Amino acid sequence: MTLFRDLDADQKDAFKELVLRAIDRRVREEIEYTNQVNRLLLLGNGAGVAILVTFMGSVASHGNPLAEFAAPLWKFFIGCVLAALIYLPTLAVASQATFHIEKQAMSFFQNEIDLDTLRGYGFNRFGQWVISSLSLASLLFFSWGVYQCIQILKSL
């Protein structure tokens, strides 16, 4: 078991720098990955809404009814809302993770805990299930909306 107090001054400085860089990199990578997935879901569903509204404008200019476009429009809208909801638990956990990891690092540097007890922090199983469910539901609504749009365009 290696305690921080057992290291000499140069080792302590080097180890502090290493730990803080590793924590910073890990947190940034997780946040970036989550943001990219959420951004793709939001942009995909948002683009679906924009494209569908464009189609609706074209159809309306020819005097055709717009009722058949309501269902896919709602699918894309619900997909956008579900993708946006992913940000709430993600931001909450990211905030708690930063606090938790920083607290552990400071405890180690104050010789309160040893190196073997440093632990990461993230979603529990329920949180992972919520994020996965929202992501999957958003993707399903997007796919369903695209499918309905293709069926409508085939019928025109």
N, C-alpha and C. Protein backbone atom coordinates (compact mmCIF):
# COMPACT_ATOMS: atom_id res chain seq x y z
N MET A 1 0.85 -1.15 0.00
CA MET A 1 0.00 0.00 0.00
C MET A 1 0.91 1.23 0.00
N THR A 2 0.70 2.11 -0.99
CA THR A 2 1.52 3.31 -1.11
C THR A 2 0.70 4.53 -0.73
N LEU A 3 1.15 5.23 0.29
CA LEU A 3 0.50 6.47 0.67
C LEU A 3 1.25 7.64 0.06
N PHE A 4 0.55 8.70 -0.10
CA PHE A 4 1.15 9.90 -0.70
C PHE A 4 2.29 10.43 0.16
N ARG A 5 2.17 10.30 1.47
CA ARG A 5 3.22 10.83 2.36
C ARG A 5 4.52 10.04 2.24
N ASP A 6 4.46 8.81 1.70
CA ASP A 6 5.66 7.99 1.54
C ASP A 6 6.53 8.43 0.37
N LEU A 7 6.02 9.29 -0.48
CA LEU A 7 6.77 9.75 -1.65
C LEU A 7 7.62 10.96 -1.28
N ASP A 8 8.74 11.14 -2.02
CA ASP A 8 9.53 12.36 -1.78
C ASP A 8 8.90 13.53 -2.52
N ALA A 9 9.42 14.73 -2.34
CA ALA A 9 8.79 15.96 -2.87
C ALA A 9 8.67 15.94 -4.39
N ASP A 10 9.71 15.50 -5.09
CA ASP A 10 9.65 15.46 -6.56
C ASP A 10 8.62 14.44 -7.03
N GLN A 11 8.57 13.29 -6.37
CA GLN A 11 7.59 12.27 -6.73
C GLN A 11 6.17 12.76 -6.46
N LYS A 12 6.00 13.49 -5.36
CA LYS A 12 4.68 14.03 -5.04
C LYS A 12 4.22 15.00 -6.11
N ASP A 13 5.08 15.91 -6.51
CA ASP A 13 4.72 16.88 -7.55
C ASP A 13 4.40 16.18 -8.87
N ALA A 14 5.25 15.24 -9.24
CA ALA A 14 5.04 14.51 -10.49
C ALA A 14 3.74 13.71 -10.44
N PHE A 15 3.49 13.08 -9.30
CA PHE A 15 2.30 12.26 -9.17
C PHE A 15 1.04 13.12 -9.18
N LYS A 16 1.08 14.26 -8.49
CA LYS A 16 -0.06 15.18 -8.51
C LYS A 16 -0.38 15.59 -9.94
N GLU A 17 0.64 15.98 -10.67
CA GLU A 17 0.45 16.41 -12.06
C GLU A 17 -0.14 15.28 -12.90
N LEU A 18 0.38 14.08 -12.73
CA LEU A 18 -0.09 12.93 -13.48
C LEU A 18 -1.55 12.61 -13.17
N VAL A 19 -1.89 12.60 -11.90
CA VAL A 19 -3.26 12.28 -11.49
C VAL A 19 -4.24 13.34 -12.00
N LEU A 20 -3.89 14.60 -11.83
CA LEU A 20 -4.79 15.67 -12.27
C LEU A 20 -4.95 15.68 -13.78
N ARG A 21 -3.89 15.39 -14.51
CA ARG A 21 -4.02 15.30 -15.98
C ARG A 21 -4.90 14.12 -16.39
N ALA A 22 -4.70 13.00 -15.73
CA ALA A 22 -5.52 11.81 -16.05
C ALA A 22 -6.99 12.07 -15.76
N ILE A 23 -7.27 12.69 -14.63
CA ILE A 23 -8.66 13.00 -14.27
C ILE A 23 -9.25 13.96 -15.29
N ASP A 24 -8.53 15.00 -15.60
CA ASP A 24 -9.01 16.00 -16.55
C ASP A 24 -9.26 15.37 -17.92
N ARG A 25 -8.34 14.55 -18.39
CA ARG A 25 -8.51 13.92 -19.70
C ARG A 25 -9.71 12.97 -19.73
N ARG A 26 -9.84 12.18 -18.70
CA ARG A 26 -10.94 11.21 -18.63
C ARG A 26 -12.30 11.92 -18.61
N VAL A 27 -12.41 12.96 -17.80
CA VAL A 27 -13.67 13.69 -17.72
C VAL A 27 -13.98 14.34 -19.06
N ARG A 28 -12.98 14.94 -19.69
CA ARG A 28 -13.20 15.59 -21.00
C ARG A 28 -13.62 14.58 -22.07
N GLU A 29 -12.99 13.42 -22.08
CA GLU A 29 -13.33 12.39 -23.07
C GLU A 29 -14.77 11.92 -22.90
N GLU A 30 -15.18 11.67 -21.67
CA GLU A 30 -16.54 11.20 -21.43
C GLU A 30 -17.57 12.27 -21.80
N ILE A 31 -17.28 13.50 -21.45
CA ILE A 31 -18.21 14.58 -21.79
C ILE A 31 -18.29 14.76 -23.29
N GLU A 32 -17.16 14.70 -23.97
CA GLU A 32 -17.14 14.88 -25.43
C GLU A 32 -17.90 13.75 -26.13
N TYR A 33 -17.67 12.52 -25.70
CA TYR A 33 -18.38 11.38 -26.30
C TYR A 33 -19.89 11.52 -26.12
N THR A 34 -20.31 11.83 -24.93
CA THR A 34 -21.74 11.99 -24.66
C THR A 34 -22.32 13.14 -25.46
N ASN A 35 -21.59 14.24 -25.54
CA ASN A 35 -22.08 15.38 -26.32
C ASN A 35 -22.20 15.04 -27.80
N GLN A 36 -21.27 14.28 -28.34
CA GLN A 36 -21.34 13.91 -29.75
C GLN A 36 -22.57 13.04 -30.05
N VAL A 37 -22.82 12.07 -29.19
CA VAL A 37 -23.99 11.20 -29.39
C VAL A 37 -25.28 12.02 -29.31
N ASN A 38 -25.38 12.85 -28.29
CA ASN A 38 -26.57 13.68 -28.12
C ASN A 38 -26.73 14.66 -29.27
N ARG A 39 -25.63 15.24 -29.71
CA ARG A 39 -25.68 16.19 -30.82
C ARG A 39 -26.19 15.52 -32.09
N LEU A 40 -25.72 14.30 -32.34
CA LEU A 40 -26.19 13.58 -33.52
C LEU A 40 -27.69 13.28 -33.45
N LEU A 41 -28.16 12.88 -32.28
CA LEU A 41 -29.59 12.60 -32.13
C LEU A 41 -30.41 13.88 -32.31
N LEU A 42 -29.96 14.96 -31.69
CA LEU A 42 -30.70 16.22 -31.82
C LEU A 42 -30.68 16.73 -33.26
N LEU A 43 -29.52 16.69 -33.89
CA LEU A 43 -29.43 17.17 -35.27
C LEU A 43 -30.22 16.30 -36.23
N GLY A 44 -30.18 14.99 -36.01
CA GLY A 44 -30.93 14.09 -36.88
C GLY A 44 -32.42 14.35 -36.80
N ASN A 45 -32.93 14.43 -35.61
CA ASN A 45 -34.36 14.68 -35.44
C ASN A 45 -34.73 16.10 -35.86
N GLY A 46 -33.86 17.06 -35.55
CA GLY A 46 -34.11 18.45 -35.97
C GLY A 46 -34.10 18.59 -37.47
N ALA A 47 -33.16 17.90 -38.13
CA ALA A 47 -33.11 17.92 -39.60
C ALA A 47 -34.36 17.27 -40.18
N GLY A 48 -34.84 16.23 -39.51
CA GLY A 48 -36.08 15.59 -39.96
C GLY A 48 -37.24 16.56 -39.92
N VAL A 49 -37.32 17.33 -38.85
CA VAL A 49 -38.39 18.34 -38.74
C VAL A 49 -38.24 19.37 -39.85
N ALA A 50 -37.03 19.87 -40.07
CA ALA A 50 -36.80 20.90 -41.09
C ALA A 50 -37.12 20.39 -42.49
N ILE A 51 -36.68 19.19 -42.80
CA ILE A 51 -36.95 18.63 -44.13
C ILE A 51 -38.43 18.38 -44.31
N LEU A 52 -39.07 17.87 -43.28
CA LEU A 52 -40.50 17.59 -43.36
C LEU A 52 -41.30 18.87 -43.55
N VAL A 53 -40.93 19.93 -42.87
CA VAL A 53 -41.62 21.21 -43.04
C VAL A 53 -41.43 21.72 -44.47
N THR A 54 -40.25 21.51 -45.03
CA THR A 54 -40.01 21.89 -46.43
C THR A 54 -40.91 21.10 -47.37
N PHE A 55 -41.02 19.79 -47.14
CA PHE A 55 -41.93 18.97 -47.95
C PHE A 55 -43.36 19.46 -47.81
N MET A 56 -43.74 19.80 -46.57
CA MET A 56 -45.10 20.26 -46.33
C MET A 56 -45.37 21.56 -47.09
N GLY A 57 -44.38 22.43 -47.16
CA GLY A 57 -44.55 23.68 -47.92
C GLY A 57 -44.75 23.41 -49.39
N SER A 58 -43.99 22.45 -49.91
CA SER A 58 -44.12 22.10 -51.32
C SER A 58 -45.48 21.48 -51.61
N VAL A 59 -45.92 20.59 -50.74
CA VAL A 59 -47.22 19.93 -50.93
C VAL A 59 -48.35 20.96 -50.80
N ALA A 60 -48.24 21.85 -49.83
CA ALA A 60 -49.28 22.86 -49.61
C ALA A 60 -49.37 23.82 -50.80
N SER A 61 -48.25 24.09 -51.44
CA SER A 61 -48.28 25.02 -52.58
C SER A 61 -49.03 24.42 -53.77
N HIS A 62 -49.16 23.12 -53.82
CA HIS A 62 -49.91 22.44 -54.87
C HIS A 62 -51.35 22.16 -54.45
N GLY A 63 -51.74 22.63 -53.28
CA GLY A 63 -53.11 22.49 -52.82
C GLY A 63 -53.45 21.13 -52.25
N ASN A 64 -52.46 20.32 -51.95
CA ASN A 64 -52.70 18.98 -51.38
C ASN A 64 -52.84 19.08 -49.86
N PRO A 65 -53.57 18.15 -49.23
CA PRO A 65 -53.73 18.19 -47.77
C PRO A 65 -52.42 17.83 -47.06
N LEU A 66 -52.27 18.40 -45.87
CA LEU A 66 -51.05 18.20 -45.09
C LEU A 66 -51.22 17.21 -43.95
N ALA A 67 -52.39 16.66 -43.78
CA ALA A 67 -52.68 15.81 -42.62
C ALA A 67 -51.74 14.61 -42.53
N GLU A 68 -51.35 14.06 -43.65
CA GLU A 68 -50.50 12.87 -43.61
C GLU A 68 -49.08 13.16 -43.09
N PHE A 69 -48.68 14.42 -43.10
CA PHE A 69 -47.37 14.79 -42.59
C PHE A 69 -47.35 15.01 -41.08
N ALA A 70 -48.50 15.05 -40.46
CA ALA A 70 -48.56 15.32 -39.02
C ALA A 70 -47.89 14.21 -38.21
N ALA A 71 -48.14 12.95 -38.58
CA ALA A 71 -47.58 11.83 -37.81
C ALA A 71 -46.05 11.82 -37.82
N PRO A 72 -45.40 11.90 -39.00
CA PRO A 72 -43.93 11.91 -38.95
C PRO A 72 -43.36 13.17 -38.30
N LEU A 73 -44.07 14.29 -38.43
CA LEU A 73 -43.61 15.52 -37.79
C LEU A 73 -43.58 15.34 -36.27
N TRP A 74 -44.61 14.71 -35.73
CA TRP A 74 -44.65 14.44 -34.29
C TRP A 74 -43.55 13.46 -33.89
N LYS A 75 -43.26 12.48 -34.75
CA LYS A 75 -42.20 11.51 -34.44
C LYS A 75 -40.86 12.23 -34.30
N PHE A 76 -40.55 13.10 -35.26
CA PHE A 76 -39.29 13.84 -35.19
C PHE A 76 -39.26 14.76 -33.98
N PHE A 77 -40.38 15.40 -33.70
CA PHE A 77 -40.43 16.30 -32.55
C PHE A 77 -40.21 15.54 -31.24
N ILE A 78 -40.87 14.41 -31.08
CA ILE A 78 -40.69 13.59 -29.87
C ILE A 78 -39.25 13.10 -29.79
N GLY A 79 -38.67 12.72 -30.93
CA GLY A 79 -37.26 12.30 -30.96
C GLY A 79 -36.34 13.41 -30.49
N CYS A 80 -36.62 14.64 -30.89
CA CYS A 80 -35.82 15.80 -30.44
C CYS A 80 -35.94 15.98 -28.92
N VAL A 81 -37.14 15.90 -28.43
CA VAL A 81 -37.36 16.08 -26.99
C VAL A 81 -36.65 14.99 -26.19
N LEU A 82 -36.75 13.74 -26.64
CA LEU A 82 -36.08 12.64 -25.93
C LEU A 82 -34.56 12.81 -25.96
N ALA A 83 -34.03 13.23 -27.10
CA ALA A 83 -32.58 13.45 -27.19
C ALA A 83 -32.15 14.59 -26.28
N ALA A 84 -32.97 15.62 -26.18
CA ALA A 84 -32.64 16.74 -25.31
C ALA A 84 -32.71 16.34 -23.84
N LEU A 85 -33.62 15.43 -23.50
CA LEU A 85 -33.74 14.97 -22.11
C LEU A 85 -32.51 14.20 -21.63
N ILE A 86 -31.73 13.67 -22.57
CA ILE A 86 -30.52 12.94 -22.21
C ILE A 86 -29.54 13.87 -21.48
N TYR A 87 -29.57 15.15 -21.83
CA TYR A 87 -28.63 16.08 -21.23
C TYR A 87 -28.84 16.26 -19.73
N LEU A 88 -30.06 16.15 -19.25
CA LEU A 88 -30.32 16.40 -17.83
C LEU A 88 -29.57 15.43 -16.91
N PRO A 89 -29.77 14.11 -17.05
CA PRO A 89 -29.01 13.22 -16.16
C PRO A 89 -27.51 13.24 -16.45
N THR A 90 -27.14 13.47 -17.70
CA THR A 90 -25.72 13.51 -18.05
C THR A 90 -25.03 14.68 -17.36
N LEU A 91 -25.65 15.84 -17.39
CA LEU A 91 -25.06 17.00 -16.72
C LEU A 91 -25.00 16.80 -15.21
N ALA A 92 -26.04 16.20 -14.65
CA ALA A 92 -26.06 15.97 -13.21
C ALA A 92 -24.93 15.02 -12.79
N VAL A 93 -24.74 13.95 -13.54
CA VAL A 93 -23.69 12.99 -13.20
C VAL A 93 -22.31 13.58 -13.47
N ALA A 94 -22.17 14.34 -14.55
CA ALA A 94 -20.87 14.95 -14.85
C ALA A 94 -20.47 15.88 -13.72
N SER A 95 -21.42 16.63 -13.21
CA SER A 95 -21.13 17.54 -12.10
C SER A 95 -20.75 16.75 -10.85
N GLN A 96 -21.50 15.72 -10.53
CA GLN A 96 -21.20 14.91 -9.36
C GLN A 96 -19.87 14.17 -9.52
N ALA A 97 -19.59 13.69 -10.74
CA ALA A 97 -18.34 12.96 -10.98
C ALA A 97 -17.14 13.87 -10.77
N THR A 98 -17.23 15.09 -11.26
CA THR A 98 -16.13 16.03 -11.08
C THR A 98 -15.90 16.30 -9.60
N PHE A 99 -16.97 16.52 -8.86
CA PHE A 99 -16.86 16.76 -7.43
C PHE A 99 -16.28 15.55 -6.71
N HIS A 100 -16.79 14.35 -7.04
CA HIS A 100 -16.37 13.12 -6.38
C HIS A 100 -14.89 12.82 -6.64
N ILE A 101 -14.48 12.95 -7.89
CA ILE A 101 -13.10 12.64 -8.23
C ILE A 101 -12.15 13.66 -7.60
N GLU A 102 -12.54 14.91 -7.64
CA GLU A 102 -11.70 15.95 -7.02
C GLU A 102 -11.58 15.72 -5.52
N LYS A 103 -12.67 15.34 -4.89
CA LYS A 103 -12.66 15.08 -3.44
C LYS A 103 -11.73 13.91 -3.12
N GLN A 104 -11.76 12.87 -3.93
CA GLN A 104 -10.89 11.72 -3.70
C GLN A 104 -9.42 12.09 -3.90
N ALA A 105 -9.15 12.86 -4.95
CA ALA A 105 -7.77 13.26 -5.20
C ALA A 105 -7.24 14.10 -4.04
N MET A 106 -8.05 15.01 -3.55
CA MET A 106 -7.61 15.83 -2.42
C MET A 106 -7.43 14.99 -1.16
N SER A 107 -8.29 14.02 -0.96
CA SER A 107 -8.14 13.12 0.21
C SER A 107 -6.84 12.33 0.11
N PHE A 108 -6.51 11.89 -1.10
CA PHE A 108 -5.25 11.16 -1.28
C PHE A 108 -4.06 12.07 -1.00
N PHE A 109 -4.12 13.28 -1.52
CA PHE A 109 -3.01 14.21 -1.31
C PHE A 109 -2.87 14.64 0.15
N GLN A 110 -3.93 14.52 0.92
CA GLN A 110 -3.89 14.84 2.35
C GLN A 110 -3.64 13.59 3.21
N ASN A 111 -3.29 12.48 2.53
CA ASN A 111 -2.95 11.21 3.19
C ASN A 111 -4.12 10.61 3.96
N GLU A 112 -5.34 10.87 3.55
CA GLU A 112 -6.52 10.30 4.20
C GLU A 112 -6.90 8.95 3.61
N ILE A 113 -6.59 8.75 2.34
CA ILE A 113 -6.88 7.47 1.67
C ILE A 113 -5.63 7.05 0.90
N ASP A 114 -5.53 5.76 0.62
CA ASP A 114 -4.38 5.29 -0.14
C ASP A 114 -4.74 5.16 -1.61
N LEU A 115 -3.75 4.89 -2.41
CA LEU A 115 -3.91 4.85 -3.86
C LEU A 115 -4.89 3.77 -4.31
N ASP A 116 -4.94 2.68 -3.57
CA ASP A 116 -5.80 1.56 -3.95
C ASP A 116 -7.28 1.85 -3.79
N THR A 117 -7.64 2.86 -3.00
CA THR A 117 -9.05 3.14 -2.76
C THR A 117 -9.61 4.23 -3.67
N LEU A 118 -8.79 4.80 -4.57
CA LEU A 118 -9.31 5.79 -5.52
C LEU A 118 -10.26 5.08 -6.48
N ARG A 119 -11.42 5.62 -6.66
CA ARG A 119 -12.44 5.01 -7.52
C ARG A 119 -13.03 6.07 -8.44
N GLY A 120 -13.47 5.60 -9.58
CA GLY A 120 -14.15 6.48 -10.52
C GLY A 120 -15.58 6.73 -10.08
N TYR A 121 -16.28 7.51 -10.86
CA TYR A 121 -17.66 7.83 -10.53
C TYR A 121 -18.42 7.94 -11.83
N GLY A 122 -19.60 7.40 -11.89
CA GLY A 122 -20.40 7.49 -13.10
C GLY A 122 -21.82 7.07 -12.82
N PHE A 123 -22.52 6.72 -13.88
CA PHE A 123 -23.90 6.30 -13.74
C PHE A 123 -23.98 4.95 -13.05
N ASN A 124 -24.98 4.79 -12.20
CA ASN A 124 -25.29 3.47 -11.68
C ASN A 124 -26.09 2.73 -12.76
N ARG A 125 -26.50 1.54 -12.49
CA ARG A 125 -27.21 0.76 -13.51
C ARG A 125 -28.50 1.43 -13.96
N PHE A 126 -29.22 2.03 -13.01
CA PHE A 126 -30.46 2.70 -13.37
C PHE A 126 -30.19 3.90 -14.27
N GLY A 127 -29.17 4.68 -13.93
CA GLY A 127 -28.80 5.83 -14.76
C GLY A 127 -28.38 5.41 -16.16
N GLN A 128 -27.62 4.33 -16.26
CA GLN A 128 -27.22 3.82 -17.57
C GLN A 128 -28.45 3.37 -18.36
N TRP A 129 -29.39 2.75 -17.66
CA TRP A 129 -30.60 2.30 -18.32
C TRP A 129 -31.41 3.49 -18.84
N VAL A 130 -31.52 4.55 -18.03
CA VAL A 130 -32.27 5.74 -18.44
C VAL A 130 -31.65 6.36 -19.68
N ILE A 131 -30.33 6.56 -19.66
CA ILE A 131 -29.65 7.17 -20.80
C ILE A 131 -29.79 6.29 -22.04
N SER A 132 -29.58 5.00 -21.89
CA SER A 132 -29.71 4.08 -23.02
C SER A 132 -31.14 4.07 -23.56
N SER A 133 -32.11 4.07 -22.67
CA SER A 133 -33.51 4.05 -23.10
C SER A 133 -33.88 5.32 -23.84
N LEU A 134 -33.46 6.47 -23.32
CA LEU A 134 -33.76 7.73 -24.01
C LEU A 134 -33.08 7.79 -25.38
N SER A 135 -31.84 7.33 -25.45
CA SER A 135 -31.12 7.32 -26.72
C SER A 135 -31.79 6.40 -27.73
N LEU A 136 -32.13 5.21 -27.28
CA LEU A 136 -32.78 4.24 -28.16
C LEU A 136 -34.15 4.74 -28.61
N ALA A 137 -34.92 5.31 -27.68
CA ALA A 137 -36.25 5.82 -28.04
C ALA A 137 -36.13 6.97 -29.04
N SER A 138 -35.16 7.84 -28.85
CA SER A 138 -34.96 8.95 -29.79
C SER A 138 -34.60 8.41 -31.17
N LEU A 139 -33.71 7.44 -31.20
CA LEU A 139 -33.31 6.82 -32.47
C LEU A 139 -34.49 6.12 -33.14
N LEU A 140 -35.32 5.44 -32.35
CA LEU A 140 -36.48 4.76 -32.91
C LEU A 140 -37.50 5.75 -33.49
N PHE A 141 -37.75 6.84 -32.77
CA PHE A 141 -38.67 7.85 -33.29
C PHE A 141 -38.12 8.48 -34.57
N PHE A 142 -36.82 8.71 -34.62
CA PHE A 142 -36.21 9.26 -35.83
C PHE A 142 -36.39 8.28 -36.99
N SER A 143 -36.07 7.01 -36.76
CA SER A 143 -36.19 6.00 -37.83
C SER A 143 -37.64 5.85 -38.28
N TRP A 144 -38.55 5.85 -37.34
CA TRP A 144 -39.98 5.73 -37.65
C TRP A 144 -40.43 6.92 -38.48
N GLY A 145 -39.99 8.12 -38.10
CA GLY A 145 -40.34 9.32 -38.86
C GLY A 145 -39.78 9.28 -40.27
N VAL A 146 -38.54 8.82 -40.42
CA VAL A 146 -37.95 8.70 -41.77
C VAL A 146 -38.74 7.69 -42.59
N TYR A 147 -39.08 6.56 -42.00
CA TYR A 147 -39.85 5.54 -42.71
C TYR A 147 -41.20 6.11 -43.18
N GLN A 148 -41.89 6.82 -42.29
CA GLN A 148 -43.18 7.39 -42.67
C GLN A 148 -43.02 8.43 -43.78
N CYS A 149 -41.96 9.22 -43.72
CA CYS A 149 -41.72 10.21 -44.78
C CYS A 149 -41.48 9.52 -46.13
N ILE A 150 -40.73 8.45 -46.11
CA ILE A 150 -40.47 7.71 -47.35
C ILE A 150 -41.77 7.15 -47.90
N GLN A 151 -42.62 6.61 -47.04
CA GLN A 151 -43.91 6.08 -47.50
C GLN A 151 -44.79 7.19 -48.09
N ILE A 152 -44.77 8.35 -47.47
CA ILE A 152 -45.57 9.47 -47.98
C ILE A 152 -45.04 9.93 -49.33
N LEU A 153 -43.72 10.03 -49.45
CA LEU A 153 -43.13 10.48 -50.71
C LEU A 153 -43.37 9.47 -51.83
N LYS A 154 -43.39 8.18 -51.50
CA LYS A 154 -43.71 7.17 -52.51
C LYS A 154 -45.13 7.33 -53.02
N SER A 155 -46.02 7.74 -52.15
CA SER A 155 -47.43 7.86 -52.54
C SER A 155 -47.73 9.15 -53.33
N LEU A 156 -46.83 10.11 -53.32
CA LEU A 156 -47.06 11.38 -54.04
C LEU A 156 -46.83 11.24 -55.52
